[in-house]
Amino acid sequence: MAASMFYGRLVAVATLRNHRPRTAQRAAAQGPVLIGSSHGGVNIEDVAAESPEAIIKEPIDIEEGIKKEQALQLAQKMGFPPNIVESAAENMVKLYSLFLKYDATMIEINPMVEDSDGAVLCMDAKINFDSNSAYRQKKIFDLQDWTQEDERDK
């Protein structure tokens, strides 16, 4: 695996670019919001404090869902190069579908990278699920490792 030029930090694969998309529920937006930054691999709260202009927010109409144009705009604003904007946007649309299908309250990819072949990869994820959906998402909740939970949450 040859090292390549990239934005952000080097991760397990040779990356060219390092980004951070997130889908979350936001009360102020009254629905889901795609949040992105080209500052992948770092704490988003630190980025927001130090460079608030680096955080891009794209509210999603809960009735219409995500539009491809929204995902394309976010990918462009996050700094994905023109040759992979489409692929990055497709990943964001898929993440939103996952968000809805499994009753997630947040999906955070950190980082989303471009490898040396131009492929867009989601390298790591943090996913929070709505605990009220446990009866619908039995398979997901059966995977929970209670040894990793705080005793007060059991």
N, C-alpha and C. Protein backbone atom coordinates (compact mmCIF):
# COMPACT_ATOMS: atom_id res chain seq x y z
N MET A 1 0.85 -1.16 0.00
CA MET A 1 0.00 0.00 0.00
C MET A 1 0.90 1.23 0.00
N ALA A 2 0.83 2.02 -1.03
CA ALA A 2 1.67 3.21 -1.14
C ALA A 2 1.00 4.39 -0.46
N ALA A 3 1.78 5.21 0.21
CA ALA A 3 1.24 6.41 0.84
C ALA A 3 0.86 7.41 -0.24
N SER A 4 -0.18 8.20 0.03
CA SER A 4 -0.65 9.19 -0.93
C SER A 4 -0.85 10.52 -0.22
N MET A 5 -1.05 11.57 -0.99
CA MET A 5 -1.37 12.88 -0.42
C MET A 5 -2.82 12.84 0.03
N PHE A 6 -3.14 13.55 1.11
CA PHE A 6 -4.50 13.53 1.62
C PHE A 6 -4.76 14.77 2.44
N TYR A 7 -6.05 15.05 2.68
CA TYR A 7 -6.46 16.08 3.64
C TYR A 7 -6.59 15.38 4.98
N GLY A 8 -6.15 15.97 6.03
CA GLY A 8 -6.33 15.38 7.35
C GLY A 8 -5.28 14.35 7.67
N ARG A 9 -5.66 13.35 8.44
CA ARG A 9 -4.72 12.36 8.95
C ARG A 9 -4.69 11.10 8.10
N LEU A 10 -3.59 10.39 8.17
CA LEU A 10 -3.47 9.11 7.50
C LEU A 10 -4.18 8.07 8.35
N VAL A 11 -4.99 7.24 7.71
CA VAL A 11 -5.70 6.18 8.42
C VAL A 11 -5.16 4.84 7.95
N ALA A 12 -5.88 3.76 8.22
CA ALA A 12 -5.39 2.42 7.94
C ALA A 12 -5.13 2.14 6.46
N VAL A 13 -5.82 2.84 5.57
CA VAL A 13 -5.53 2.68 4.15
C VAL A 13 -4.85 3.95 3.67
N ALA A 14 -4.20 3.86 2.54
CA ALA A 14 -3.58 5.06 1.98
C ALA A 14 -4.69 5.97 1.49
N THR A 15 -4.83 7.12 2.11
CA THR A 15 -5.93 8.02 1.78
C THR A 15 -5.44 9.26 1.07
N LEU A 16 -6.31 9.81 0.26
CA LEU A 16 -6.03 11.09 -0.37
C LEU A 16 -6.73 12.21 0.38
N ARG A 17 -7.94 11.95 0.80
CA ARG A 17 -8.73 12.97 1.47
C ARG A 17 -9.46 12.36 2.65
N ASN A 18 -9.71 13.19 3.65
CA ASN A 18 -10.25 12.74 4.92
C ASN A 18 -11.40 13.67 5.29
N HIS A 19 -12.61 13.16 5.38
CA HIS A 19 -13.79 13.98 5.61
C HIS A 19 -14.62 13.38 6.73
N ARG A 20 -15.63 14.13 7.17
CA ARG A 20 -16.45 13.66 8.28
C ARG A 20 -17.92 14.03 8.03
N PRO A 21 -18.73 13.11 7.51
CA PRO A 21 -20.17 13.37 7.41
C PRO A 21 -20.91 12.79 8.61
N ARG A 22 -22.05 13.36 8.91
CA ARG A 22 -22.83 12.91 10.06
C ARG A 22 -24.29 13.17 9.76
N THR A 23 -25.15 12.25 10.14
CA THR A 23 -26.59 12.44 10.05
C THR A 23 -27.11 12.37 11.47
N ALA A 24 -27.87 13.37 11.86
CA ALA A 24 -28.37 13.39 13.24
C ALA A 24 -29.71 14.10 13.29
N GLN A 25 -30.46 13.84 14.35
CA GLN A 25 -31.69 14.58 14.61
C GLN A 25 -31.30 15.87 15.29
N ARG A 26 -31.85 16.97 14.87
CA ARG A 26 -31.59 18.26 15.50
C ARG A 26 -32.93 18.92 15.79
N ALA A 27 -33.18 19.21 17.07
CA ALA A 27 -34.44 19.82 17.47
C ALA A 27 -34.64 21.17 16.79
N ALA A 28 -33.59 21.98 16.70
CA ALA A 28 -33.70 23.30 16.09
C ALA A 28 -34.12 23.21 14.62
N ALA A 29 -33.69 22.18 13.94
CA ALA A 29 -34.03 22.00 12.53
C ALA A 29 -35.34 21.24 12.37
N GLN A 30 -35.88 20.73 13.46
CA GLN A 30 -37.12 19.95 13.47
C GLN A 30 -37.04 18.74 12.55
N GLY A 31 -35.92 18.07 12.56
CA GLY A 31 -35.75 16.87 11.76
C GLY A 31 -34.29 16.55 11.54
N PRO A 32 -34.03 15.60 10.66
CA PRO A 32 -32.65 15.18 10.40
C PRO A 32 -31.83 16.28 9.72
N VAL A 33 -30.54 16.25 10.00
CA VAL A 33 -29.60 17.20 9.41
C VAL A 33 -28.35 16.44 9.01
N LEU A 34 -27.88 16.67 7.78
CA LEU A 34 -26.57 16.17 7.38
C LEU A 34 -25.57 17.23 7.79
N ILE A 35 -24.56 16.82 8.53
CA ILE A 35 -23.52 17.75 8.99
C ILE A 35 -22.20 17.22 8.44
N GLY A 36 -21.44 18.08 7.83
CA GLY A 36 -20.18 17.64 7.25
C GLY A 36 -19.05 18.60 7.53
N SER A 37 -17.84 18.08 7.39
CA SER A 37 -16.64 18.89 7.54
C SER A 37 -15.50 18.19 6.80
N SER A 38 -14.61 18.98 6.23
CA SER A 38 -13.43 18.39 5.60
C SER A 38 -12.38 18.04 6.65
N HIS A 39 -12.63 18.40 7.90
CA HIS A 39 -11.71 18.12 9.00
C HIS A 39 -12.03 16.76 9.61
N GLY A 40 -11.82 15.70 8.86
CA GLY A 40 -12.07 14.36 9.37
C GLY A 40 -10.97 13.88 10.27
N GLY A 41 -11.27 12.86 11.08
CA GLY A 41 -10.27 12.26 11.94
C GLY A 41 -10.02 13.03 13.22
N VAL A 42 -10.81 14.08 13.45
CA VAL A 42 -10.65 14.88 14.66
C VAL A 42 -12.01 15.04 15.33
N ASN A 43 -12.02 15.51 16.56
CA ASN A 43 -13.24 15.72 17.32
C ASN A 43 -14.03 16.87 16.69
N ILE A 44 -15.27 16.61 16.29
CA ILE A 44 -16.09 17.62 15.62
C ILE A 44 -16.36 18.82 16.53
N GLU A 45 -16.45 18.58 17.84
CA GLU A 45 -16.68 19.68 18.77
C GLU A 45 -15.48 20.64 18.77
N ASP A 46 -14.27 20.09 18.65
CA ASP A 46 -13.07 20.94 18.56
C ASP A 46 -13.09 21.76 17.28
N VAL A 47 -13.48 21.12 16.18
CA VAL A 47 -13.56 21.84 14.90
C VAL A 47 -14.58 22.96 15.01
N ALA A 48 -15.74 22.68 15.60
CA ALA A 48 -16.79 23.69 15.73
C ALA A 48 -16.32 24.87 16.58
N ALA A 49 -15.54 24.59 17.62
CA ALA A 49 -15.05 25.66 18.50
C ALA A 49 -13.96 26.49 17.82
N GLU A 50 -13.06 25.82 17.11
CA GLU A 50 -11.91 26.50 16.51
C GLU A 50 -12.20 27.08 15.13
N SER A 51 -13.02 26.39 14.35
CA SER A 51 -13.31 26.82 12.97
C SER A 51 -14.77 26.56 12.63
N PRO A 52 -15.69 27.33 13.23
CA PRO A 52 -17.12 27.06 12.99
C PRO A 52 -17.51 27.10 11.51
N GLU A 53 -16.78 27.85 10.71
CA GLU A 53 -17.07 27.92 9.28
C GLU A 53 -16.77 26.61 8.56
N ALA A 54 -16.03 25.72 9.21
CA ALA A 54 -15.68 24.43 8.61
C ALA A 54 -16.80 23.40 8.77
N ILE A 55 -17.84 23.74 9.53
CA ILE A 55 -18.98 22.85 9.74
C ILE A 55 -20.08 23.24 8.77
N ILE A 56 -20.52 22.28 7.97
CA ILE A 56 -21.55 22.50 6.96
C ILE A 56 -22.79 21.73 7.39
N LYS A 57 -23.95 22.40 7.42
CA LYS A 57 -25.20 21.75 7.83
C LYS A 57 -26.21 21.80 6.70
N GLU A 58 -26.85 20.66 6.46
CA GLU A 58 -27.85 20.54 5.40
C GLU A 58 -29.09 19.88 5.99
N PRO A 59 -30.12 20.68 6.37
CA PRO A 59 -31.36 20.10 6.91
C PRO A 59 -32.06 19.24 5.85
N ILE A 60 -32.70 18.17 6.30
CA ILE A 60 -33.41 17.26 5.40
C ILE A 60 -34.89 17.30 5.73
N ASP A 61 -35.71 17.53 4.73
CA ASP A 61 -37.16 17.51 4.92
C ASP A 61 -37.56 16.07 5.22
N ILE A 62 -38.14 15.84 6.39
CA ILE A 62 -38.48 14.48 6.83
C ILE A 62 -39.51 13.83 5.91
N GLU A 63 -40.37 14.62 5.28
CA GLU A 63 -41.38 14.04 4.39
C GLU A 63 -40.83 13.72 3.01
N GLU A 64 -39.91 14.55 2.51
CA GLU A 64 -39.35 14.34 1.18
C GLU A 64 -38.10 13.48 1.20
N GLY A 65 -37.41 13.45 2.32
CA GLY A 65 -36.15 12.71 2.40
C GLY A 65 -35.02 13.50 1.78
N ILE A 66 -33.87 12.89 1.75
CA ILE A 66 -32.69 13.56 1.19
C ILE A 66 -32.79 13.60 -0.32
N LYS A 67 -32.42 14.71 -0.87
CA LYS A 67 -32.38 14.85 -2.32
C LYS A 67 -30.93 14.68 -2.76
N LYS A 68 -30.77 14.08 -3.92
CA LYS A 68 -29.42 13.86 -4.45
C LYS A 68 -28.66 15.18 -4.56
N GLU A 69 -29.38 16.25 -4.94
CA GLU A 69 -28.74 17.57 -5.07
C GLU A 69 -28.17 18.03 -3.74
N GLN A 70 -28.89 17.75 -2.64
CA GLN A 70 -28.39 18.13 -1.31
C GLN A 70 -27.09 17.42 -1.00
N ALA A 71 -27.07 16.13 -1.26
CA ALA A 71 -25.87 15.34 -0.98
C ALA A 71 -24.71 15.79 -1.86
N LEU A 72 -25.00 16.10 -3.12
CA LEU A 72 -23.95 16.59 -4.03
C LEU A 72 -23.38 17.91 -3.53
N GLN A 73 -24.26 18.82 -3.10
CA GLN A 73 -23.80 20.12 -2.59
C GLN A 73 -22.94 19.94 -1.35
N LEU A 74 -23.37 19.07 -0.44
CA LEU A 74 -22.59 18.84 0.77
C LEU A 74 -21.23 18.25 0.43
N ALA A 75 -21.20 17.28 -0.47
CA ALA A 75 -19.92 16.68 -0.87
C ALA A 75 -18.99 17.72 -1.47
N GLN A 76 -19.54 18.62 -2.29
CA GLN A 76 -18.72 19.68 -2.88
C GLN A 76 -18.20 20.63 -1.81
N LYS A 77 -19.08 21.03 -0.89
CA LYS A 77 -18.68 21.95 0.18
C LYS A 77 -17.65 21.32 1.12
N MET A 78 -17.69 19.99 1.25
CA MET A 78 -16.74 19.29 2.10
C MET A 78 -15.37 19.16 1.44
N GLY A 79 -15.30 19.52 0.16
CA GLY A 79 -14.01 19.52 -0.52
C GLY A 79 -13.67 18.27 -1.30
N PHE A 80 -14.65 17.38 -1.52
CA PHE A 80 -14.38 16.23 -2.37
C PHE A 80 -14.10 16.74 -3.78
N PRO A 81 -13.09 16.20 -4.45
CA PRO A 81 -12.78 16.65 -5.81
C PRO A 81 -13.89 16.23 -6.79
N PRO A 82 -14.03 16.98 -7.89
CA PRO A 82 -15.12 16.73 -8.84
C PRO A 82 -15.26 15.28 -9.29
N ASN A 83 -14.15 14.56 -9.44
CA ASN A 83 -14.24 13.19 -9.96
C ASN A 83 -14.85 12.20 -8.96
N ILE A 84 -14.97 12.57 -7.69
CA ILE A 84 -15.57 11.64 -6.72
C ILE A 84 -16.74 12.25 -5.93
N VAL A 85 -17.16 13.46 -6.29
CA VAL A 85 -18.30 14.09 -5.62
C VAL A 85 -19.52 13.19 -5.69
N GLU A 86 -19.76 12.62 -6.86
CA GLU A 86 -20.92 11.74 -7.06
C GLU A 86 -20.87 10.53 -6.11
N SER A 87 -19.73 9.92 -6.00
CA SER A 87 -19.55 8.75 -5.13
C SER A 87 -19.74 9.13 -3.66
N ALA A 88 -19.19 10.27 -3.25
CA ALA A 88 -19.35 10.73 -1.87
C ALA A 88 -20.82 11.00 -1.58
N ALA A 89 -21.51 11.63 -2.53
CA ALA A 89 -22.94 11.93 -2.37
C ALA A 89 -23.76 10.65 -2.28
N GLU A 90 -23.43 9.65 -3.08
CA GLU A 90 -24.13 8.37 -3.02
C GLU A 90 -23.97 7.74 -1.63
N ASN A 91 -22.77 7.84 -1.07
CA ASN A 91 -22.56 7.32 0.29
C ASN A 91 -23.43 8.05 1.29
N MET A 92 -23.58 9.36 1.15
CA MET A 92 -24.41 10.13 2.07
C MET A 92 -25.88 9.74 1.96
N VAL A 93 -26.35 9.51 0.73
CA VAL A 93 -27.74 9.07 0.53
C VAL A 93 -27.94 7.70 1.19
N LYS A 94 -26.98 6.81 1.04
CA LYS A 94 -27.06 5.48 1.66
C LYS A 94 -27.04 5.58 3.18
N LEU A 95 -26.24 6.49 3.71
CA LEU A 95 -26.20 6.68 5.17
C LEU A 95 -27.55 7.17 5.68
N TYR A 96 -28.19 8.06 4.93
CA TYR A 96 -29.51 8.54 5.34
C TYR A 96 -30.54 7.41 5.29
N SER A 97 -30.46 6.56 4.28
CA SER A 97 -31.36 5.39 4.21
C SER A 97 -31.15 4.47 5.41
N LEU A 98 -29.90 4.26 5.78
CA LEU A 98 -29.57 3.46 6.96
C LEU A 98 -30.14 4.12 8.22
N PHE A 99 -30.00 5.43 8.31
CA PHE A 99 -30.50 6.23 9.42
C PHE A 99 -32.00 5.98 9.62
N LEU A 100 -32.76 6.00 8.54
CA LEU A 100 -34.20 5.78 8.62
C LEU A 100 -34.56 4.32 8.88
N LYS A 101 -33.93 3.42 8.14
CA LYS A 101 -34.27 2.00 8.21
C LYS A 101 -34.10 1.43 9.62
N TYR A 102 -33.06 1.87 10.32
CA TYR A 102 -32.75 1.29 11.62
C TYR A 102 -33.05 2.22 12.79
N ASP A 103 -33.89 3.24 12.56
CA ASP A 103 -34.30 4.15 13.63
C ASP A 103 -33.10 4.74 14.37
N ALA A 104 -32.13 5.20 13.63
CA ALA A 104 -30.95 5.82 14.25
C ALA A 104 -31.28 7.24 14.68
N THR A 105 -30.61 7.70 15.71
CA THR A 105 -30.70 9.10 16.09
C THR A 105 -29.46 9.85 15.64
N MET A 106 -28.39 9.10 15.34
CA MET A 106 -27.17 9.70 14.82
C MET A 106 -26.33 8.63 14.13
N ILE A 107 -25.78 8.99 12.98
CA ILE A 107 -24.76 8.18 12.31
C ILE A 107 -23.61 9.13 12.02
N GLU A 108 -22.46 8.81 12.56
CA GLU A 108 -21.28 9.65 12.36
C GLU A 108 -20.18 8.82 11.72
N ILE A 109 -19.72 9.26 10.57
CA ILE A 109 -18.61 8.61 9.88
C ILE A 109 -17.38 9.49 10.08
N ASN A 110 -16.35 8.93 10.65
CA ASN A 110 -15.14 9.71 10.89
C ASN A 110 -13.94 8.79 10.88
N PRO A 111 -13.25 8.76 9.75
CA PRO A 111 -13.40 9.62 8.58
C PRO A 111 -14.05 8.91 7.40
N MET A 112 -14.51 9.71 6.45
CA MET A 112 -14.87 9.23 5.12
C MET A 112 -13.69 9.66 4.26
N VAL A 113 -13.10 8.72 3.56
CA VAL A 113 -11.84 9.01 2.86
C VAL A 113 -11.92 8.69 1.38
N GLU A 114 -11.01 9.28 0.66
CA GLU A 114 -10.78 8.91 -0.73
C GLU A 114 -9.46 8.16 -0.74
N ASP A 115 -9.47 6.94 -1.28
CA ASP A 115 -8.21 6.19 -1.33
C ASP A 115 -7.45 6.52 -2.62
N SER A 116 -6.30 5.90 -2.77
CA SER A 116 -5.43 6.22 -3.91
C SER A 116 -6.02 5.79 -5.25
N ASP A 117 -7.05 4.95 -5.24
CA ASP A 117 -7.73 4.55 -6.47
C ASP A 117 -8.94 5.42 -6.78
N GLY A 118 -9.24 6.39 -5.91
CA GLY A 118 -10.38 7.27 -6.12
C GLY A 118 -11.68 6.75 -5.54
N ALA A 119 -11.63 5.67 -4.76
CA ALA A 119 -12.84 5.15 -4.13
C ALA A 119 -13.12 5.92 -2.84
N VAL A 120 -14.39 6.15 -2.54
CA VAL A 120 -14.80 6.80 -1.30
C VAL A 120 -15.16 5.71 -0.30
N LEU A 121 -14.52 5.73 0.86
CA LEU A 121 -14.70 4.69 1.87
C LEU A 121 -15.11 5.30 3.20
N CYS A 122 -16.04 4.65 3.89
CA CYS A 122 -16.40 5.02 5.25
C CYS A 122 -15.55 4.16 6.18
N MET A 123 -14.61 4.78 6.87
CA MET A 123 -13.61 4.03 7.62
C MET A 123 -14.05 3.64 9.03
N ASP A 124 -14.82 4.47 9.69
CA ASP A 124 -15.24 4.20 11.05
C ASP A 124 -16.59 4.86 11.25
N ALA A 125 -17.41 4.28 12.11
CA ALA A 125 -18.74 4.83 12.33
C ALA A 125 -19.13 4.75 13.79
N LYS A 126 -19.91 5.73 14.19
CA LYS A 126 -20.57 5.71 15.49
C LYS A 126 -22.05 5.85 15.18
N ILE A 127 -22.85 4.90 15.67
CA ILE A 127 -24.28 4.92 15.39
C ILE A 127 -25.04 4.83 16.71
N ASN A 128 -25.96 5.76 16.91
CA ASN A 128 -26.85 5.71 18.06
C ASN A 128 -28.24 5.36 17.55
N PHE A 129 -28.92 4.47 18.27
CA PHE A 129 -30.26 4.04 17.88
C PHE A 129 -31.28 4.53 18.89
N ASP A 130 -32.48 4.81 18.41
CA ASP A 130 -33.57 5.23 19.27
C ASP A 130 -33.98 4.05 20.14
N SER A 131 -33.82 4.18 21.44
CA SER A 131 -34.14 3.06 22.35
C SER A 131 -35.62 2.71 22.32
N ASN A 132 -36.46 3.65 21.90
CA ASN A 132 -37.89 3.36 21.79
C ASN A 132 -38.21 2.44 20.62
N SER A 133 -37.23 2.19 19.76
CA SER A 133 -37.47 1.33 18.60
C SER A 133 -36.97 -0.10 18.83
N ALA A 134 -36.62 -0.43 20.05
CA ALA A 134 -36.06 -1.76 20.34
C ALA A 134 -36.98 -2.89 19.87
N TYR A 135 -38.28 -2.70 19.97
CA TYR A 135 -39.22 -3.75 19.55
C TYR A 135 -39.21 -3.93 18.03
N ARG A 136 -38.90 -2.86 17.28
CA ARG A 136 -38.83 -2.95 15.81
C ARG A 136 -37.46 -3.39 15.34
N GLN A 137 -36.45 -3.06 16.11
CA GLN A 137 -35.06 -3.31 15.71
C GLN A 137 -34.42 -4.36 16.60
N LYS A 138 -35.15 -5.44 16.84
CA LYS A 138 -34.69 -6.48 17.76
C LYS A 138 -33.29 -6.99 17.41
N LYS A 139 -33.02 -7.23 16.14
CA LYS A 139 -31.70 -7.75 15.74
C LYS A 139 -30.58 -6.77 16.12
N ILE A 140 -30.83 -5.50 15.95
CA ILE A 140 -29.83 -4.49 16.31
C ILE A 140 -29.60 -4.47 17.81
N PHE A 141 -30.68 -4.43 18.58
CA PHE A 141 -30.56 -4.33 20.03
C PHE A 141 -30.03 -5.62 20.65
N ASP A 142 -30.23 -6.75 19.99
CA ASP A 142 -29.65 -8.01 20.48
C ASP A 142 -28.12 -8.01 20.38
N LEU A 143 -27.57 -7.14 19.56
CA LEU A 143 -26.12 -7.05 19.40
C LEU A 143 -25.44 -6.22 20.50
N GLN A 144 -26.25 -5.55 21.30
CA GLN A 144 -25.69 -4.66 22.32
C GLN A 144 -24.83 -5.44 23.31
N ASP A 145 -23.64 -4.93 23.55
CA ASP A 145 -22.69 -5.54 24.50
C ASP A 145 -22.83 -4.80 25.83
N TRP A 146 -23.58 -5.40 26.74
CA TRP A 146 -23.86 -4.75 28.02
C TRP A 146 -22.61 -4.60 28.88
N THR A 147 -21.55 -5.35 28.58
CA THR A 147 -20.32 -5.18 29.37
C THR A 147 -19.65 -3.84 29.05
N GLN A 148 -20.05 -3.23 27.95
CA GLN A 148 -19.48 -1.94 27.56
C GLN A 148 -20.33 -0.76 28.03
N GLU A 149 -21.44 -1.04 28.69
CA GLU A 149 -22.35 0.01 29.12
C GLU A 149 -22.10 0.41 30.56
N ASP A 150 -22.45 1.63 30.87
CA ASP A 150 -22.39 2.12 32.24
C ASP A 150 -23.44 1.37 33.05
N GLU A 151 -23.08 0.95 34.24
CA GLU A 151 -24.00 0.20 35.11
C GLU A 151 -25.33 0.93 35.29
N ARG A 152 -25.30 2.25 35.33
CA ARG A 152 -26.52 3.04 35.54
C ARG A 152 -27.45 2.97 34.35
N ASP A 153 -26.95 2.59 33.19
CA ASP A 153 -27.77 2.53 31.98
C ASP A 153 -28.42 1.17 31.76
N LYS A 154 -28.07 0.19 32.58
CA LYS A 154 -28.60 -1.16 32.37
C LYS A 154 -30.01 -1.29 32.88
